[in-house]
Amino acid sequence: MDLLKLLESVGGKDSLGSLAGNLGLDSSKTSALVGALAPALMGALQKQTTSADGLAGLQNALKSGKHQQYLSKPELLSSVESVTDGNNILGHLLGGKTESRNVAAQAAETTGLDVNLIKKALPLVAGLAMGAVSKSSDSGNKLTDSIGDMFGSLMGGKLDMGDALGFAKKFF
């Protein structure tokens, strides 16, 4: 499942609207922005599932984090705490500022949007992605089902966790 569809399926439409408002974008440009950032973010989340330690760490982050608040209270996306949380997520998923900048530069090239605007959006989109995965997986309790659904949609059907891990290893 792509990130936009995942956000819509867990009630994130208002959050996307809040993101658009924070960035001064219309809904189509916001969708293009999220769509351009999604492969890197969702790929990094999926990569976490390729090892037992990574999967356990992701489950712990989903259980202990308050990421679903970005879906239930979209106005929080304009807070400093949301940016800090998003930057922490990015550091964990992507590794560092250089990787985040590379993702932003690629998204700017794809969308035609200003790279500084994308850098501003990236931590917020990371928080939304974690919120959507958290909500779809019952705060990480059903993460293997959620990951199986995400990978399965790429392959045209639901996969079990073993299939999902095998599929992920082909790409990471």
C-alpha atoms as a PDB file:
ATOM      1  CA  MET A   1       0.000   0.000   0.000  1.00  0.00           C
ATOM      2  CA  ASP A   2       1.429   3.395  -0.864  1.00  0.00           C
ATOM      3  CA  LEU A   3       1.673   6.050   1.810  1.00  0.00           C
ATOM      4  CA  LEU A   4      -1.162   8.217   0.488  1.00  0.00           C
ATOM      5  CA  LYS A   5      -3.542   5.260   0.411  1.00  0.00           C
ATOM      6  CA  LEU A   6      -2.356   4.145   3.833  1.00  0.00           C
ATOM      7  CA  LEU A   7      -2.968   7.626   5.257  1.00  0.00           C
ATOM      8  CA  GLU A   8      -6.428   7.731   3.725  1.00  0.00           C
ATOM      9  CA  SER A   9      -7.282   4.259   5.027  1.00  0.00           C
ATOM     10  CA  VAL A  10      -6.449   5.245   8.626  1.00  0.00           C
ATOM     11  CA  GLY A  11      -8.219   8.605   8.596  1.00  0.00           C
ATOM     12  CA  GLY A  12      -5.288  10.847   7.705  1.00  0.00           C
ATOM     13  CA  LYS A  13      -7.113  13.079   5.236  1.00  0.00           C
ATOM     14  CA  ASP A  14      -7.335  15.952   7.736  1.00  0.00           C
ATOM     15  CA  SER A  15      -3.647  15.517   8.514  1.00  0.00           C
ATOM     16  CA  LEU A  16      -2.786  15.878   4.843  1.00  0.00           C
ATOM     17  CA  GLY A  17      -4.898  19.044   4.807  1.00  0.00           C
ATOM     18  CA  SER A  18      -3.022  20.355   7.837  1.00  0.00           C
ATOM     19  CA  LEU A  19       0.289  19.519   6.173  1.00  0.00           C
ATOM     20  CA  ALA A  20      -0.822  21.398   3.049  1.00  0.00           C
ATOM     21  CA  GLY A  21      -1.798  24.411   5.141  1.00  0.00           C
ATOM     22  CA  ASN A  22       1.509  24.406   7.041  1.00  0.00           C
ATOM     23  CA  LEU A  23       3.436  24.337   3.774  1.00  0.00           C
ATOM     24  CA  GLY A  24       1.211  26.713   1.820  1.00  0.00           C
ATOM     25  CA  LEU A  25       0.472  24.081  -0.823  1.00  0.00           C
ATOM     26  CA  ASP A  26      -2.726  22.966  -2.483  1.00  0.00           C
ATOM     27  CA  SER A  27      -3.880  19.369  -2.136  1.00  0.00           C
ATOM     28  CA  SER A  28      -2.470  18.197  -5.475  1.00  0.00           C
ATOM     29  CA  LYS A  29       1.020  19.548  -4.725  1.00  0.00           C
ATOM     30  CA  THR A  30       0.841  18.066  -1.230  1.00  0.00           C
ATOM     31  CA  SER A  31      -0.087  14.685  -2.710  1.00  0.00           C
ATOM     32  CA  ALA A  32       2.795  14.961  -5.183  1.00  0.00           C
ATOM     33  CA  LEU A  33       5.160  15.851  -2.338  1.00  0.00           C
ATOM     34  CA  VAL A  34       4.052  12.953  -0.132  1.00  0.00           C
ATOM     35  CA  GLY A  35       4.157  10.632  -3.146  1.00  0.00           C
ATOM     36  CA  ALA A  36       7.735  11.693  -3.904  1.00  0.00           C
ATOM     37  CA  LEU A  37       8.886  11.177  -0.307  1.00  0.00           C
ATOM     38  CA  ALA A  38       6.990   7.933   0.241  1.00  0.00           C
ATOM     39  CA  PRO A  39       9.355   5.481  -1.487  1.00  0.00           C
ATOM     40  CA  ALA A  40      12.306   6.494   0.693  1.00  0.00           C
ATOM     41  CA  LEU A  41      10.287   6.554   3.921  1.00  0.00           C
ATOM     42  CA  MET A  42       8.301   3.387   3.343  1.00  0.00           C
ATOM     43  CA  GLY A  43      11.372   1.629   1.985  1.00  0.00           C
ATOM     44  CA  ALA A  44      13.292   2.538   5.131  1.00  0.00           C
ATOM     45  CA  LEU A  45      10.409   1.299   7.296  1.00  0.00           C
ATOM     46  CA  GLN A  46      10.296  -1.934   5.335  1.00  0.00           C
ATOM     47  CA  LYS A  47      14.056  -2.291   5.638  1.00  0.00           C
ATOM     48  CA  GLN A  48      13.628  -2.274   9.417  1.00  0.00           C
ATOM     49  CA  THR A  49      11.731  -5.556   9.101  1.00  0.00           C
ATOM     50  CA  THR A  50      14.598  -7.422   7.437  1.00  0.00           C
ATOM     51  CA  SER A  51      16.160  -8.349  10.763  1.00  0.00           C
ATOM     52  CA  ALA A  52      14.701  -9.477  14.044  1.00  0.00           C
ATOM     53  CA  ASP A  53      16.377  -6.557  15.852  1.00  0.00           C
ATOM     54  CA  GLY A  54      15.072  -4.048  13.331  1.00  0.00           C
ATOM     55  CA  LEU A  55      11.560  -5.450  13.517  1.00  0.00           C
ATOM     56  CA  ALA A  56      11.632  -5.405  17.319  1.00  0.00           C
ATOM     57  CA  GLY A  57      12.923  -1.831  17.301  1.00  0.00           C
ATOM     58  CA  LEU A  58      10.190  -0.728  14.916  1.00  0.00           C
ATOM     59  CA  GLN A  59       7.529  -2.450  17.006  1.00  0.00           C
ATOM     60  CA  ASN A  60       8.888  -0.761  20.124  1.00  0.00           C
ATOM     61  CA  ALA A  61       8.853   2.650  18.426  1.00  0.00           C
ATOM     62  CA  LEU A  62       5.267   2.118  17.309  1.00  0.00           C
ATOM     63  CA  LYS A  63       4.171   1.004  20.778  1.00  0.00           C
ATOM     64  CA  SER A  64       6.008   3.662  22.780  1.00  0.00           C
ATOM     65  CA  GLY A  65       5.702   6.591  20.380  1.00  0.00           C
ATOM     66  CA  LYS A  66       2.723   8.859  20.138  1.00  0.00           C
ATOM     67  CA  HIS A  67       2.721   8.912  16.358  1.00  0.00           C
ATOM     68  CA  GLN A  68      -1.021   8.330  15.976  1.00  0.00           C
ATOM     69  CA  GLN A  69      -1.600  11.789  17.443  1.00  0.00           C
ATOM     70  CA  TYR A  70      -0.666  13.273  14.058  1.00  0.00           C
ATOM     71  CA  LEU A  71      -3.736  11.566  12.644  1.00  0.00           C
ATOM     72  CA  SER A  72      -6.154  12.290  15.481  1.00  0.00           C
ATOM     73  CA  LYS A  73      -4.920  15.858  16.090  1.00  0.00           C
ATOM     74  CA  PRO A  74      -3.643  17.199  12.750  1.00  0.00           C
ATOM     75  CA  GLU A  75      -3.061  20.638  14.252  1.00  0.00           C
ATOM     76  CA  LEU A  76      -0.049  19.151  16.075  1.00  0.00           C
ATOM     77  CA  LEU A  77       1.831  19.073  12.786  1.00  0.00           C
ATOM     78  CA  SER A  78       2.557  22.778  13.236  1.00  0.00           C
ATOM     79  CA  SER A  79       4.302  22.258  16.595  1.00  0.00           C
ATOM     80  CA  VAL A  80       8.039  22.309  17.224  1.00  0.00           C
ATOM     81  CA  GLU A  81       7.684  18.923  18.957  1.00  0.00           C
ATOM     82  CA  SER A  82       6.336  17.367  15.751  1.00  0.00           C
ATOM     83  CA  VAL A  83       9.360  18.571  13.798  1.00  0.00           C
ATOM     84  CA  THR A  84      11.697  17.250  16.488  1.00  0.00           C
ATOM     85  CA  ASP A  85       9.906  13.893  16.538  1.00  0.00           C
ATOM     86  CA  GLY A  86       9.990  13.737  12.742  1.00  0.00           C
ATOM     87  CA  ASN A  87      13.704  14.505  12.655  1.00  0.00           C
ATOM     88  CA  ASN A  88      14.314  11.729  15.194  1.00  0.00           C
ATOM     89  CA  ILE A  89      12.330   9.343  12.988  1.00  0.00           C
ATOM     90  CA  LEU A  90      14.348  10.405   9.952  1.00  0.00           C
ATOM     91  CA  GLY A  91      17.617   9.908  11.807  1.00  0.00           C
ATOM     92  CA  HIS A  92      16.591   6.404  12.742  1.00  0.00           C
ATOM     93  CA  LEU A  93      15.200   5.454   9.337  1.00  0.00           C
ATOM     94  CA  LEU A  94      17.555   7.216   6.952  1.00  0.00           C
ATOM     95  CA  GLY A  95      20.685   7.452   9.041  1.00  0.00           C
ATOM     96  CA  GLY A  96      21.506  11.152   9.047  1.00  0.00           C
ATOM     97  CA  LYS A  97      21.197  14.617   7.608  1.00  0.00           C
ATOM     98  CA  THR A  98      23.053  13.765   4.405  1.00  0.00           C
ATOM     99  CA  GLU A  99      20.589  11.001   3.552  1.00  0.00           C
ATOM    100  CA  SER A 100      17.621  13.238   4.424  1.00  0.00           C
ATOM    101  CA  ARG A 101      19.014  15.988   2.199  1.00  0.00           C
ATOM    102  CA  ASN A 102      19.443  13.496  -0.636  1.00  0.00           C
ATOM    103  CA  VAL A 103      15.818  12.382  -0.261  1.00  0.00           C
ATOM    104  CA  ALA A 104      14.695  16.028  -0.263  1.00  0.00           C
ATOM    105  CA  ALA A 105      16.789  16.835  -3.349  1.00  0.00           C
ATOM    106  CA  GLN A 106      15.374  13.874  -5.247  1.00  0.00           C
ATOM    107  CA  ALA A 107      11.809  14.825  -4.263  1.00  0.00           C
ATOM    108  CA  ALA A 108      12.460  18.419  -5.376  1.00  0.00           C
ATOM    109  CA  GLU A 109      13.647  17.159  -8.732  1.00  0.00           C
ATOM    110  CA  THR A 110      10.609  14.905  -9.094  1.00  0.00           C
ATOM    111  CA  THR A 111       8.004  17.458  -8.002  1.00  0.00           C
ATOM    112  CA  GLY A 112       9.525  20.755  -9.072  1.00  0.00           C
ATOM    113  CA  LEU A 113       8.957  22.074  -5.541  1.00  0.00           C
ATOM    114  CA  ASP A 114      11.608  24.080  -3.719  1.00  0.00           C
ATOM    115  CA  VAL A 115      14.072  21.837  -1.909  1.00  0.00           C
ATOM    116  CA  ASN A 116      13.865  23.999   1.252  1.00  0.00           C
ATOM    117  CA  LEU A 117      10.109  23.482   1.361  1.00  0.00           C
ATOM    118  CA  ILE A 118      10.651  19.744   1.040  1.00  0.00           C
ATOM    119  CA  LYS A 119      13.245  19.797   3.823  1.00  0.00           C
ATOM    120  CA  LYS A 120      10.630  21.497   5.998  1.00  0.00           C
ATOM    121  CA  ALA A 121       8.016  18.891   5.036  1.00  0.00           C
ATOM    122  CA  LEU A 122      10.164  15.775   5.390  1.00  0.00           C
ATOM    123  CA  PRO A 123      10.021  15.424   9.206  1.00  0.00           C
ATOM    124  CA  LEU A 124       6.276  16.057   9.177  1.00  0.00           C
ATOM    125  CA  VAL A 125       5.702  13.423   6.514  1.00  0.00           C
ATOM    126  CA  ALA A 126       7.916  11.012   8.483  1.00  0.00           C
ATOM    127  CA  GLY A 127       5.717  11.547  11.540  1.00  0.00           C
ATOM    128  CA  LEU A 128       2.583  10.971   9.454  1.00  0.00           C
ATOM    129  CA  ALA A 129       4.067   7.788   7.996  1.00  0.00           C
ATOM    130  CA  MET A 130       4.837   6.429  11.471  1.00  0.00           C
ATOM    131  CA  GLY A 131       1.369   7.440  12.640  1.00  0.00           C
ATOM    132  CA  ALA A 132      -0.252   5.629   9.728  1.00  0.00           C
ATOM    133  CA  VAL A 133       1.816   2.476  10.222  1.00  0.00           C
ATOM    134  CA  SER A 134       1.147   2.619  13.963  1.00  0.00           C
ATOM    135  CA  LYS A 135      -2.587   2.941  13.498  1.00  0.00           C
ATOM    136  CA  SER A 136      -2.800   0.298  10.776  1.00  0.00           C
ATOM    137  CA  SER A 137      -0.809  -2.133  12.917  1.00  0.00           C
ATOM    138  CA  ASP A 138      -2.584  -1.471  16.230  1.00  0.00           C
ATOM    139  CA  SER A 139       0.448   0.357  17.679  1.00  0.00           C
ATOM    140  CA  GLY A 140       2.833  -2.296  16.400  1.00  0.00           C
ATOM    141  CA  ASN A 141       0.896  -5.218  17.910  1.00  0.00           C
ATOM    142  CA  LYS A 142      -0.110  -6.445  14.466  1.00  0.00           C
ATOM    143  CA  LEU A 143       2.898  -5.109  12.608  1.00  0.00           C
ATOM    144  CA  THR A 144       3.592  -8.320  10.745  1.00  0.00           C
ATOM    145  CA  ASP A 145       0.050  -8.263   9.326  1.00  0.00           C
ATOM    146  CA  SER A 146       0.422  -4.617   8.350  1.00  0.00           C
ATOM    147  CA  ILE A 147       3.823  -5.166   6.725  1.00  0.00           C
ATOM    148  CA  GLY A 148       2.431  -8.194   4.909  1.00  0.00           C
ATOM    149  CA  ASP A 149      -0.405  -6.050   3.581  1.00  0.00           C
ATOM    150  CA  MET A 150       2.011  -3.327   2.437  1.00  0.00           C
ATOM    151  CA  PHE A 151       4.302  -5.723   0.618  1.00  0.00           C
ATOM    152  CA  GLY A 152       1.375  -7.755  -0.646  1.00  0.00           C
ATOM    153  CA  SER A 153      -0.154  -4.759  -2.359  1.00  0.00           C
ATOM    154  CA  LEU A 154       3.084  -4.393  -4.290  1.00  0.00           C
ATOM    155  CA  MET A 155       2.841  -8.013  -5.378  1.00  0.00           C
ATOM    156  CA  GLY A 156      -0.920  -8.161  -5.986  1.00  0.00           C
ATOM    157  CA  GLY A 157      -1.973 -10.077  -2.856  1.00  0.00           C
ATOM    158  CA  LYS A 158      -1.369 -10.467   0.868  1.00  0.00           C
ATOM    159  CA  LEU A 159       1.937 -12.002   1.890  1.00  0.00           C
ATOM    160  CA  ASP A 160       2.799 -13.678   5.130  1.00  0.00           C
ATOM    161  CA  MET A 161       5.714 -12.294   7.126  1.00  0.00           C
ATOM    162  CA  GLY A 162       8.217 -14.792   5.746  1.00  0.00           C
ATOM    163  CA  ASP A 163       7.297 -13.786   2.207  1.00  0.00           C
ATOM    164  CA  ALA A 164       7.477 -10.109   3.145  1.00  0.00           C
ATOM    165  CA  LEU A 165      10.955 -10.468   4.626  1.00  0.00           C
ATOM    166  CA  GLY A 166      12.155 -12.386   1.589  1.00  0.00           C
ATOM    167  CA  PHE A 167      10.713  -9.750  -0.719  1.00  0.00           C
ATOM    168  CA  ALA A 168      12.335  -6.939   1.268  1.00  0.00           C
ATOM    169  CA  LYS A 169      15.743  -8.603   1.167  1.00  0.00           C
ATOM    170  CA  LYS A 170      15.670  -8.494  -2.629  1.00  0.00           C
ATOM    171  CA  PHE A 171      15.657  -4.710  -2.498  1.00  0.00           C
ATOM    172  CA  PHE A 172      17.734  -3.894   0.573  1.00  0.00           C
END
